[in-house]
Amino acid sequence: MSTENEGTAVPPAPSAPPPAPVDAPAASAHQGHPAPGAAPDPDRAAPPPAQSADQGYGFGPQGPVGETGWGPHGAHGGQDPTPSSSAPDASWPPPPPSSTPSYGDGGAGHGPGGWGSSYQQPAPKNGGGRGRMLAAVLVAALVAGGAGGGLGYTLAKENDSNGSTTVSASTSGGNVKRDPGTVAAVAAKALPSTVTIEAESSSGEGGTGTGFVFDTQGHIVTNNHVVAEAVDGGKVSVTFPNGKKYDAEVVGHAQGYDVAVIKLNNAPSDLKPLPLGNSDEVAVGDSTIAIGAPFGLSNTVTTGIISAKNRPVASSDGTGSQASYMSALQTDASINPGNSGGPLLDAQGSVIGINSAIQSTSNGGFGTGQAGSIGLGFAIPINQAKYVAQELIKTGKPVYAKIGASVSLEDTTGGAKITEQGAAGSEPVDPGGPADKAGLQPGDVITKLDDRVIDSGPTLIGEIWTHKPGDEVTITYERDGKERTTELTLGSRVGDS
């Protein structure tokens, strides 16, 4: 499935997705189309067997998906999130009444000289008479006002004594106690630590996305496509819900994982990191709360449930650059361009994922050309994102697990086939690498990794990246029509290139 990254962009500034997760695949997606299995990140697009997401807005076998953020979301190919305003209907709202209301000619239900008739000031008989007349008019007006007030009070009192059907609440608004676990309570606690990010390239292009406080040192976690345009000589700024704004710098970014870490300059001492949950324990049907800046509308809260787990998603910005891959949490909480990088919370307010992509229809709305939510959003599981963020803070570079073999990225449903030739003429199976040691050969079709069914190359890549280098996994594969299994210890690759 293809998906798009969601994001609100200033001038459109597509960002390049990370290189293919497996060692250079021999068969890659066509330029300008998301890799198969890619799923739309609110700003990305994903391929068929594996859900894919587009950073910015991409299209996959199942349609374009858009995410929030820059590029694909905002920085990644996100587009100007500000909807173009259309001319209001001339018939609405109706024209206001004349600034000088007319009270003459009696008025409905009143005859001449009654209430509503115009006042004709009598000609003064002499100098003193005029003064007395004006005084009499003022007194009459005051009395009329007093009489009206008294009459209103009397009627209200009588009606009240006859019994009223209205009921006054004992508490309302800010006086209401919101129990832990309610959406309002979770939002109140999480909003102060969720920020709106504006990223801009050296040429002035960029977009808007979301992030959240990761630690007390001022590190903010977000999507790579949100800040990708600002990596080389650009600018990044962070705005908190209380209006305070800080400049920030990109500490590290992982295109393949679509995760980035930025750090606030002169970070305040009272930062409150959001608590991180355990995405492995999330169950389908669990409640979710998403916070972000869809179409530039900061501090927006939406709710939903976990619709599926381990959804293979590949996302790209539709420019032909390499894609990002994830085994995503799927949610129906509304996610739109600008939500990218924001937290997906559980009912206790713990972060269980980073909103990254959406599956959407091809036609954008709001006059931006960007697609919007249709209830299919994808988030990077926080267990994976936490590991990546910690590596970026430590070294500034991402570390990827690998099997040491090139697999086809064509849209299939039969598994991930090891190609007959590697990228740029290299060996399809690295000599002495993990796959070679496990006995895998060109032409083998990998169908399972541990207990996860593998239906395509992108699915395999996303699943491999949920692990760490050094992890031991069981590979199930087919060779010459026979199913076999082998144990494999994952290797490592540093950096996106």
Protein backbone atom coordinates (compact mmCIF):
# COMPACT_ATOMS: atom_id res chain seq x y z
CA MET A 1 0.00 0.00 0.00
CA SER A 2 1.27 3.46 -0.70
CA THR A 3 1.02 6.22 1.76
CA GLU A 4 2.01 9.81 2.03
CA ASN A 5 3.79 11.71 4.71
CA GLU A 6 1.60 14.30 6.26
CA GLY A 7 2.89 17.77 6.67
CA THR A 8 2.26 21.39 6.24
CA ALA A 9 4.77 23.05 4.06
CA VAL A 10 5.71 26.63 3.50
CA PRO A 11 6.78 26.73 -0.11
CA PRO A 12 6.76 23.07 -1.21
CA ALA A 13 10.05 21.54 -0.23
CA PRO A 14 10.29 17.81 -0.94
CA SER A 15 12.78 15.91 1.15
CA ALA A 16 14.59 12.82 0.04
CA PRO A 17 13.63 9.55 1.70
CA PRO A 18 16.23 7.16 3.04
CA PRO A 19 17.98 4.56 0.91
CA ALA A 20 16.46 1.16 0.46
CA PRO A 21 16.61 -0.72 3.73
CA VAL A 22 18.06 -3.87 2.37
CA ASP A 23 21.50 -3.77 0.94
CA ALA A 24 21.01 -2.06 -2.40
CA PRO A 25 18.11 -3.90 -4.04
CA ALA A 26 18.57 -4.85 -7.62
CA ALA A 27 15.00 -4.18 -8.63
CA SER A 28 13.81 -0.83 -7.40
CA ALA A 29 10.63 1.17 -7.79
CA HIS A 30 10.34 3.46 -10.79
CA GLN A 31 11.51 6.99 -10.36
CA GLY A 32 8.74 9.29 -9.26
CA HIS A 33 6.74 6.46 -7.68
CA PRO A 34 6.97 5.20 -4.11
CA ALA A 35 8.65 1.89 -3.59
CA PRO A 36 6.33 -1.09 -3.43
CA GLY A 37 5.01 -1.72 -0.02
CA ALA A 38 5.38 1.94 0.80
CA ALA A 39 2.70 3.44 2.91
CA PRO A 40 1.74 7.07 2.99
CA ASP A 41 3.09 8.91 5.85
CA PRO A 42 0.94 11.82 6.28
CA ASP A 43 3.58 13.01 3.89
CA ARG A 44 4.65 9.85 2.08
CA ALA A 45 3.56 7.09 -0.29
CA ALA A 46 3.82 3.32 0.11
CA PRO A 47 3.91 0.21 -2.09
CA PRO A 48 1.33 -2.56 -2.38
CA PRO A 49 2.10 -5.74 -0.45
CA ALA A 50 3.80 -3.63 2.10
CA GLN A 51 1.88 -0.55 3.10
CA SER A 52 3.86 2.45 2.01
CA ALA A 53 3.77 6.03 3.01
CA ASP A 54 4.73 9.08 1.08
CA GLN A 55 6.70 11.85 2.64
CA GLY A 56 4.82 14.70 1.26
CA TYR A 57 2.19 12.92 -0.74
CA GLY A 58 2.93 9.82 -2.66
CA PHE A 59 0.88 7.27 -4.45
CA GLY A 60 1.09 3.54 -4.16
CA PRO A 61 -0.84 0.61 -5.40
CA GLN A 62 -3.57 1.52 -2.97
CA GLY A 63 -3.48 5.18 -3.58
CA PRO A 64 -1.59 8.20 -2.33
CA VAL A 65 -1.08 8.74 1.26
CA GLY A 66 -0.18 11.97 2.89
CA GLU A 67 1.44 12.73 6.14
CA THR A 68 2.21 15.80 8.22
CA GLY A 69 5.40 17.66 8.44
CA TRP A 70 7.89 19.08 6.04
CA GLY A 71 9.01 17.53 2.85
CA PRO A 72 6.95 14.49 2.44
CA HIS A 73 5.11 15.97 5.33
CA GLY A 74 6.33 19.39 5.18
CA ALA A 75 10.01 19.33 4.81
CA HIS A 76 9.65 16.13 2.79
CA GLY A 77 7.53 17.19 0.00
CA GLY A 78 4.88 18.70 2.18
CA GLN A 79 3.01 21.48 0.50
CA ASP A 80 1.82 24.80 1.70
CA PRO A 81 -0.65 23.73 4.36
CA THR A 82 -2.49 27.02 4.37
CA PRO A 83 -5.77 26.40 2.60
CA SER A 84 -6.63 28.88 -0.06
CA SER A 85 -9.59 30.95 1.03
CA SER A 86 -12.52 30.99 -1.34
CA ALA A 87 -14.73 34.02 -1.82
CA PRO A 88 -17.63 33.88 0.61
CA ASP A 89 -21.13 33.41 -0.75
CA ALA A 90 -22.58 36.82 -1.43
CA SER A 91 -25.83 35.71 0.17
CA TRP A 92 -24.25 34.88 3.53
CA PRO A 93 -24.03 36.32 5.99
CA PRO A 94 -26.99 38.61 5.29
CA PRO A 95 -26.21 42.33 5.22
CA PRO A 96 -26.31 43.97 8.66
CA PRO A 97 -29.15 46.33 9.45
CA SER A 98 -28.69 50.00 8.66
CA SER A 99 -26.40 51.73 11.10
CA THR A 100 -29.16 54.28 11.73
CA PRO A 101 -32.27 52.30 12.64
CA SER A 102 -35.61 53.85 11.85
CA TYR A 103 -38.20 54.09 14.58
CA GLY A 104 -40.76 56.23 12.79
CA ASP A 105 -44.10 55.35 11.28
CA GLY A 106 -45.30 53.46 14.28
CA GLY A 107 -43.61 50.10 13.60
CA ALA A 108 -45.19 46.71 13.40
CA GLY A 109 -48.14 46.30 15.69
CA HIS A 110 -48.19 49.91 16.84
CA GLY A 111 -50.22 52.84 15.68
CA PRO A 112 -49.01 56.39 15.19
CA GLY A 113 -47.81 58.05 18.32
CA GLY A 114 -47.25 54.76 20.14
CA TRP A 115 -43.96 53.00 20.85
CA GLY A 116 -41.92 53.09 17.69
CA SER A 117 -43.28 56.38 16.42
CA SER A 118 -40.79 59.17 15.75
CA TYR A 119 -40.43 61.89 18.33
CA GLN A 120 -41.31 65.39 17.11
CA GLN A 121 -39.81 68.01 19.38
CA PRO A 122 -42.39 70.79 20.03
CA ALA A 123 -41.43 74.34 19.19
CA PRO A 124 -40.37 76.23 22.31
CA LYS A 125 -42.89 78.72 23.60
CA ASN A 126 -40.24 80.70 25.36
CA GLY A 127 -36.68 80.31 26.59
CA GLY A 128 -37.53 78.74 29.95
CA GLY A 129 -40.15 76.39 28.52
CA ARG A 130 -37.59 74.64 26.26
CA GLY A 131 -35.43 73.78 29.24
CA ARG A 132 -38.35 72.37 31.21
CA MET A 133 -39.46 70.29 28.21
CA LEU A 134 -35.99 68.71 27.76
CA ALA A 135 -35.85 67.90 31.46
CA ALA A 136 -39.28 66.28 31.24
CA VAL A 137 -38.18 64.17 28.26
CA LEU A 138 -35.08 62.90 30.11
CA VAL A 139 -37.10 62.01 33.16
CA ALA A 140 -39.67 60.20 31.04
CA ALA A 141 -36.94 58.18 29.38
CA LEU A 142 -35.43 57.19 32.71
CA VAL A 143 -38.79 56.25 34.13
CA ALA A 144 -39.64 54.23 31.06
CA GLY A 145 -36.35 52.41 31.40
CA GLY A 146 -36.97 51.80 35.09
CA ALA A 147 -40.50 50.64 34.47
CA GLY A 148 -39.33 48.26 31.78
CA GLY A 149 -36.67 46.85 34.08
CA GLY A 150 -39.14 46.46 36.91
CA LEU A 151 -41.68 44.80 34.65
CA GLY A 152 -39.06 42.35 33.36
CA TYR A 153 -37.99 41.45 36.89
CA THR A 154 -41.60 40.98 38.01
CA LEU A 155 -42.43 38.68 35.07
CA ALA A 156 -39.27 36.66 35.58
CA LYS A 157 -40.06 36.25 39.26
CA GLU A 158 -43.62 35.16 38.53
CA ASN A 159 -42.44 32.65 35.91
CA ASP A 160 -39.87 31.29 38.33
CA SER A 161 -42.48 30.87 41.04
CA ASN A 162 -44.66 28.96 38.59
CA GLY A 163 -41.82 26.46 38.05
CA SER A 164 -38.94 26.61 35.49
CA THR A 165 -37.75 23.69 33.37
CA THR A 166 -34.14 24.95 33.20
CA VAL A 167 -31.43 23.42 35.37
CA SER A 168 -28.12 25.05 36.32
CA ALA A 169 -24.99 22.90 36.49
CA SER A 170 -23.15 22.90 39.79
CA THR A 171 -19.79 22.89 38.00
CA SER A 172 -18.73 23.61 34.44
CA GLY A 173 -15.71 24.44 32.30
CA GLY A 174 -12.54 24.77 34.33
CA ASN A 175 -14.30 23.61 37.52
CA VAL A 176 -14.92 20.13 36.15
CA LYS A 177 -12.62 17.42 37.51
CA ARG A 178 -11.30 15.37 34.62
CA ASP A 179 -10.26 11.93 35.73
CA PRO A 180 -6.95 10.42 34.54
CA GLY A 181 -7.47 8.50 31.33
CA THR A 182 -10.06 10.83 29.87
CA VAL A 183 -9.09 12.49 26.60
CA ALA A 184 -9.25 15.92 28.22
CA ALA A 185 -6.92 14.86 31.05
CA VAL A 186 -4.42 13.22 28.69
CA ALA A 187 -4.44 16.23 26.35
CA ALA A 188 -3.99 18.71 29.21
CA LYS A 189 -0.90 16.84 30.36
CA ALA A 190 0.63 16.17 26.93
CA LEU A 191 -0.01 19.45 25.12
CA PRO A 192 2.60 21.51 27.03
CA SER A 193 5.29 19.05 25.85
CA THR A 194 4.16 18.86 22.21
CA VAL A 195 5.64 21.46 19.87
CA THR A 196 5.12 22.87 16.40
CA ILE A 197 8.25 22.79 14.24
CA GLU A 198 9.02 25.12 11.36
CA ALA A 199 11.92 24.08 9.15
CA GLU A 200 13.36 26.12 6.32
CA SER A 201 16.09 25.37 3.80
CA SER A 202 18.82 27.84 2.88
CA SER A 203 16.73 28.76 -0.17
CA GLY A 204 13.71 29.56 1.97
CA GLU A 205 11.70 26.41 1.28
CA GLY A 206 10.28 24.30 4.05
CA GLY A 207 7.19 23.45 6.01
CA THR A 208 5.55 22.79 9.34
CA GLY A 209 5.43 19.64 11.42
CA THR A 210 5.22 18.47 15.00
CA GLY A 211 7.54 17.05 17.64
CA PHE A 212 7.59 16.27 21.35
CA VAL A 213 9.97 16.76 24.27
CA PHE A 214 12.21 13.69 24.59
CA ASP A 215 14.36 14.64 27.58
CA THR A 216 15.16 17.49 29.96
CA GLN A 217 18.26 18.48 27.96
CA GLY A 218 16.10 19.99 25.22
CA HIS A 219 16.02 17.17 22.67
CA ILE A 220 12.88 17.04 20.52
CA VAL A 221 11.94 13.93 18.52
CA THR A 222 10.16 14.28 15.18
CA ASN A 223 10.11 12.80 11.66
CA ASN A 224 13.13 13.10 9.39
CA HIS A 225 10.96 14.49 6.60
CA VAL A 226 9.85 17.33 8.88
CA VAL A 227 13.36 18.79 9.18
CA ALA A 228 15.17 17.30 6.17
CA GLU A 229 15.16 20.58 4.25
CA ALA A 230 16.94 22.36 7.11
CA VAL A 231 19.77 19.86 7.50
CA ASP A 232 22.27 21.66 5.25
CA GLY A 233 22.42 25.30 6.23
CA GLY A 234 18.71 25.73 6.97
CA LYS A 235 16.82 26.99 10.00
CA VAL A 236 14.63 25.23 12.53
CA SER A 237 12.37 26.86 15.10
CA VAL A 238 10.17 25.31 17.76
CA THR A 239 7.03 26.86 19.25
CA PHE A 240 5.40 25.61 22.46
CA PRO A 241 1.66 25.88 23.13
CA ASN A 242 2.31 28.76 25.55
CA GLY A 243 3.68 30.77 22.63
CA LYS A 244 7.36 30.56 23.58
CA LYS A 245 9.57 30.08 20.55
CA TYR A 246 13.11 28.69 20.37
CA ASP A 247 15.69 28.23 17.65
CA ALA A 248 16.91 24.66 17.30
CA GLU A 249 19.52 22.60 15.50
CA VAL A 250 19.33 19.15 13.90
CA VAL A 251 21.32 16.72 16.06
CA GLY A 252 20.85 13.75 13.77
CA HIS A 253 18.42 12.31 11.25
CA ALA A 254 17.67 8.84 9.91
CA GLN A 255 16.07 8.88 6.50
CA GLY A 256 15.44 5.14 6.43
CA TYR A 257 13.63 5.16 9.76
CA ASP A 258 12.11 8.62 9.14
CA VAL A 259 13.19 9.73 12.61
CA ALA A 260 15.10 12.90 13.53
CA VAL A 261 16.24 14.61 16.71
CA ILE A 262 16.64 18.36 17.11
CA LYS A 263 17.85 20.28 20.16
CA LEU A 264 16.60 23.60 21.47
CA ASN A 265 19.07 26.44 21.78
CA ASN A 266 18.96 27.84 25.32
CA ALA A 267 16.46 25.19 26.38
CA PRO A 268 14.32 26.11 29.40
CA SER A 269 14.99 24.29 32.68
CA ASP A 270 11.38 23.24 33.23
CA LEU A 271 10.95 20.90 30.25
CA LYS A 272 8.71 17.90 30.90
CA PRO A 273 9.45 14.93 28.62
CA LEU A 274 6.46 12.87 27.55
CA PRO A 275 6.48 9.37 29.10
CA LEU A 276 7.31 6.62 26.60
CA GLY A 277 5.10 3.54 26.51
CA ASN A 278 5.76 0.03 25.21
CA SER A 279 4.54 -0.29 21.63
CA ASP A 280 5.01 -4.07 21.72
CA GLU A 281 2.18 -4.35 24.25
CA VAL A 282 -0.31 -2.28 22.24
CA ALA A 283 -3.40 -4.22 21.18
CA VAL A 284 -5.78 -3.69 18.29
CA GLY A 285 -8.74 -1.73 19.61
CA ASP A 286 -6.75 0.26 22.19
CA SER A 287 -7.67 3.94 22.35
CA THR A 288 -5.30 6.45 20.75
CA ILE A 289 -4.85 10.21 20.96
CA ALA A 290 -2.89 12.14 18.33
CA ILE A 291 -1.55 15.66 18.79
CA GLY A 292 -0.15 17.84 16.03
CA ALA A 293 -0.51 20.80 13.72
CA PRO A 294 -2.67 19.58 10.80
CA PHE A 295 -2.61 22.12 7.99
CA GLY A 296 -0.79 24.47 10.36
CA LEU A 297 -3.46 24.32 13.10
CA SER A 298 -1.16 23.84 16.10
CA ASN A 299 -2.14 21.97 19.25
CA THR A 300 -4.90 19.97 17.57
CA VAL A 301 -6.06 16.84 19.41
CA THR A 302 -7.81 13.91 17.68
CA THR A 303 -8.81 10.47 18.91
CA GLY A 304 -9.27 6.96 17.57
CA ILE A 305 -8.12 3.39 18.13
CA ILE A 306 -5.31 1.10 17.06
CA SER A 307 -6.68 -0.38 13.83
CA ALA A 308 -3.81 -2.78 13.13
CA LYS A 309 -0.24 -3.61 14.14
CA ASN A 310 2.89 -4.47 12.18
CA ARG A 311 1.53 -2.83 9.04
CA PRO A 312 4.31 -2.86 6.40
CA VAL A 313 4.72 0.73 5.24
CA ALA A 314 7.15 2.28 2.81
CA SER A 315 6.97 6.03 2.34
CA SER A 316 8.57 8.47 -0.03
CA ASP A 317 8.02 11.98 -1.33
CA GLY A 318 7.21 10.86 -4.85
CA THR A 319 10.37 12.39 -6.30
CA GLY A 320 12.03 9.09 -7.11
CA SER A 321 14.29 9.24 -4.07
CA GLN A 322 14.70 6.21 -1.85
CA ALA A 323 11.97 5.35 0.62
CA SER A 324 11.60 4.98 4.37
CA TYR A 325 10.31 1.73 5.83
CA MET A 326 8.43 0.82 8.98
CA SER A 327 6.36 -1.91 10.54
CA ALA A 328 3.74 0.58 11.61
CA LEU A 329 0.96 1.00 14.12
CA GLN A 330 -2.20 1.80 12.16
CA THR A 331 -4.76 4.17 13.68
CA ASP A 332 -8.00 5.80 12.61
CA ALA A 333 -7.27 8.93 14.66
CA SER A 334 -7.41 11.85 12.23
CA ILE A 335 -3.90 12.62 10.96
CA ASN A 336 -3.25 15.23 8.27
CA PRO A 337 -0.35 17.17 6.75
CA GLY A 338 1.34 18.90 9.67
CA ASN A 339 0.75 16.04 12.14
CA SER A 340 4.03 14.43 11.11
CA GLY A 341 6.42 13.90 13.98
CA GLY A 342 3.74 14.32 16.61
CA PRO A 343 3.05 11.81 19.38
CA LEU A 344 0.48 9.03 19.20
CA LEU A 345 -0.59 8.47 22.81
CA ASP A 346 -2.40 5.69 24.61
CA ALA A 347 -5.23 6.23 27.10
CA GLN A 348 -2.70 6.78 29.90
CA GLY A 349 -0.93 9.54 27.98
CA SER A 350 2.20 7.51 27.15
CA VAL A 351 3.77 7.84 23.70
CA ILE A 352 3.31 4.62 21.73
CA GLY A 353 4.27 5.96 18.28
CA ILE A 354 5.31 8.87 16.09
CA ASN A 355 2.69 9.88 13.53
CA SER A 356 4.35 9.63 10.17
CA ALA A 357 2.10 8.75 7.21
CA ILE A 358 -1.43 8.37 5.96
CA GLN A 359 -3.23 6.47 3.24
CA SER A 360 -5.48 8.82 1.35
CA THR A 361 -7.35 9.48 -1.82
CA SER A 362 -5.48 11.11 -4.68
CA ASN A 363 -7.26 14.43 -4.59
CA GLY A 364 -6.18 16.92 -1.96
CA GLY A 365 -8.51 19.30 -0.22
CA PHE A 366 -8.50 22.77 1.26
CA GLY A 367 -7.15 24.16 -1.99
CA THR A 368 -3.64 22.85 -1.27
CA GLY A 369 -3.51 19.77 -3.46
CA GLN A 370 -2.52 17.80 -0.35
CA ALA A 371 -4.54 14.76 0.58
CA GLY A 372 -6.27 14.53 3.94
CA SER A 373 -7.20 11.85 6.45
CA ILE A 374 -9.56 9.05 5.50
CA GLY A 375 -8.99 7.23 8.78
CA LEU A 376 -5.86 5.31 7.77
CA GLY A 377 -2.88 6.74 9.64
CA PHE A 378 0.48 5.13 10.38
CA ALA A 379 2.88 5.68 13.25
CA ILE A 380 6.44 4.50 13.87
CA PRO A 381 6.35 2.26 16.99
CA ILE A 382 7.98 4.12 19.88
CA ASN A 383 10.19 1.15 20.82
CA GLN A 384 11.94 1.50 17.48
CA ALA A 385 11.92 5.29 17.47
CA LYS A 386 13.40 5.42 20.98
CA TYR A 387 16.35 3.27 19.94
CA VAL A 388 16.96 5.36 16.84
CA ALA A 389 16.69 8.65 18.75
CA GLN A 390 19.17 7.51 21.38
CA GLU A 391 21.68 6.52 18.68
CA LEU A 392 21.25 9.89 16.97
CA ILE A 393 21.84 11.76 20.24
CA LYS A 394 24.94 9.65 20.93
CA THR A 395 26.64 9.70 17.53
CA GLY A 396 24.52 11.85 15.21
CA LYS A 397 24.18 8.90 12.82
CA PRO A 398 21.60 6.13 12.47
CA VAL A 399 22.51 2.45 12.78
CA TYR A 400 20.53 -0.07 10.71
CA ALA A 401 20.25 -3.82 11.13
CA LYS A 402 20.87 -5.79 7.91
CA ILE A 403 20.95 -9.33 6.54
CA GLY A 404 23.62 -8.65 3.93
CA ALA A 405 21.60 -9.52 0.82
CA SER A 406 19.84 -7.56 -1.93
CA VAL A 407 16.13 -8.27 -2.34
CA SER A 408 13.67 -7.29 -5.02
CA LEU A 409 11.40 -4.34 -4.28
CA GLU A 410 8.84 -5.34 -6.88
CA ASP A 411 5.23 -5.59 -5.77
CA THR A 412 4.63 -9.23 -4.94
CA THR A 413 2.76 -11.27 -2.39
CA GLY A 414 4.89 -14.40 -2.45
CA GLY A 415 7.81 -13.16 -0.34
CA ALA A 416 11.10 -11.26 -0.61
CA LYS A 417 13.27 -12.69 -3.36
CA ILE A 418 17.05 -12.40 -3.13
CA THR A 419 18.11 -10.94 -6.47
CA GLU A 420 20.52 -12.53 -8.91
CA GLN A 421 22.62 -9.39 -8.97
CA GLY A 422 23.31 -6.70 -6.39
CA ALA A 423 23.16 -2.94 -6.86
CA ALA A 424 25.78 -1.37 -9.09
CA GLY A 425 27.11 -4.78 -10.07
CA SER A 426 27.84 -5.88 -6.49
CA GLU A 427 27.30 -9.37 -5.17
CA PRO A 428 23.64 -10.08 -4.31
CA VAL A 429 24.78 -11.81 -1.08
CA ASP A 430 27.65 -10.16 0.78
CA PRO A 431 30.54 -12.62 1.04
CA GLY A 432 31.00 -13.44 4.71
CA GLY A 433 27.88 -11.43 5.65
CA PRO A 434 24.92 -12.58 7.77
CA ALA A 435 22.93 -14.06 4.86
CA ASP A 436 26.00 -15.82 3.46
CA LYS A 437 26.81 -17.36 6.85
CA ALA A 438 23.18 -18.49 7.18
CA GLY A 439 23.40 -20.29 3.82
CA LEU A 440 21.06 -18.02 1.84
CA GLN A 441 21.60 -17.78 -1.92
CA PRO A 442 20.42 -15.67 -4.90
CA GLY A 443 16.95 -16.80 -5.94
CA ASP A 444 15.86 -17.80 -2.42
CA VAL A 445 12.48 -16.36 -1.46
CA ILE A 446 12.19 -15.30 2.19
CA THR A 447 8.64 -15.87 3.46
CA LYS A 448 8.97 -15.36 7.22
CA LEU A 449 11.22 -13.60 9.71
CA ASP A 450 10.59 -15.25 13.08
CA ASP A 451 6.77 -15.42 13.18
CA ARG A 452 6.17 -12.46 10.86
CA VAL A 453 4.91 -13.29 7.38
CA ILE A 454 7.02 -11.62 4.68
CA ASP A 455 5.13 -10.89 1.45
CA SER A 456 7.59 -8.54 -0.29
CA GLY A 457 10.99 -6.90 -0.15
CA PRO A 458 9.73 -3.71 1.55
CA THR A 459 7.96 -5.80 4.20
CA LEU A 460 11.21 -7.64 4.94
CA ILE A 461 13.13 -4.38 5.23
CA GLY A 462 10.61 -2.85 7.61
CA GLU A 463 10.63 -5.97 9.77
CA ILE A 464 14.44 -6.15 9.86
CA TRP A 465 14.57 -2.55 11.04
CA THR A 466 12.40 -3.32 14.05
CA HIS A 467 15.44 -5.26 15.31
CA LYS A 468 18.89 -4.19 16.43
CA PRO A 469 22.25 -5.30 15.03
CA GLY A 470 23.29 -8.52 16.74
CA ASP A 471 19.76 -9.85 17.16
CA GLU A 472 19.30 -13.50 16.18
CA VAL A 473 16.32 -14.23 13.96
CA THR A 474 14.86 -17.28 12.26
CA ILE A 475 14.50 -17.00 8.49
CA THR A 476 12.01 -19.17 6.61
CA TYR A 477 12.62 -19.33 2.87
CA GLU A 478 11.80 -21.32 -0.24
CA ARG A 479 14.35 -22.85 -2.61
CA ASP A 480 13.49 -25.09 -5.53
CA GLY A 481 9.91 -25.35 -4.29
CA LYS A 482 10.91 -26.56 -0.82
CA GLU A 483 10.53 -24.64 2.44
CA ARG A 484 13.58 -24.33 4.66
CA THR A 485 14.62 -22.43 7.80
CA THR A 486 17.92 -21.02 9.01
CA GLU A 487 19.19 -18.96 11.94
CA LEU A 488 20.72 -15.59 11.12
CA THR A 489 22.51 -12.96 13.23
CA LEU A 490 21.77 -9.47 11.95
CA GLY A 491 24.68 -7.27 10.92
CA SER A 492 24.85 -3.47 11.00
CA ARG A 493 25.18 -0.50 8.70
CA VAL A 494 25.95 3.03 9.88
CA GLY A 495 24.46 6.04 8.13
CA ASP A 496 21.91 6.47 5.37
CA SER A 497 24.29 6.14 2.43
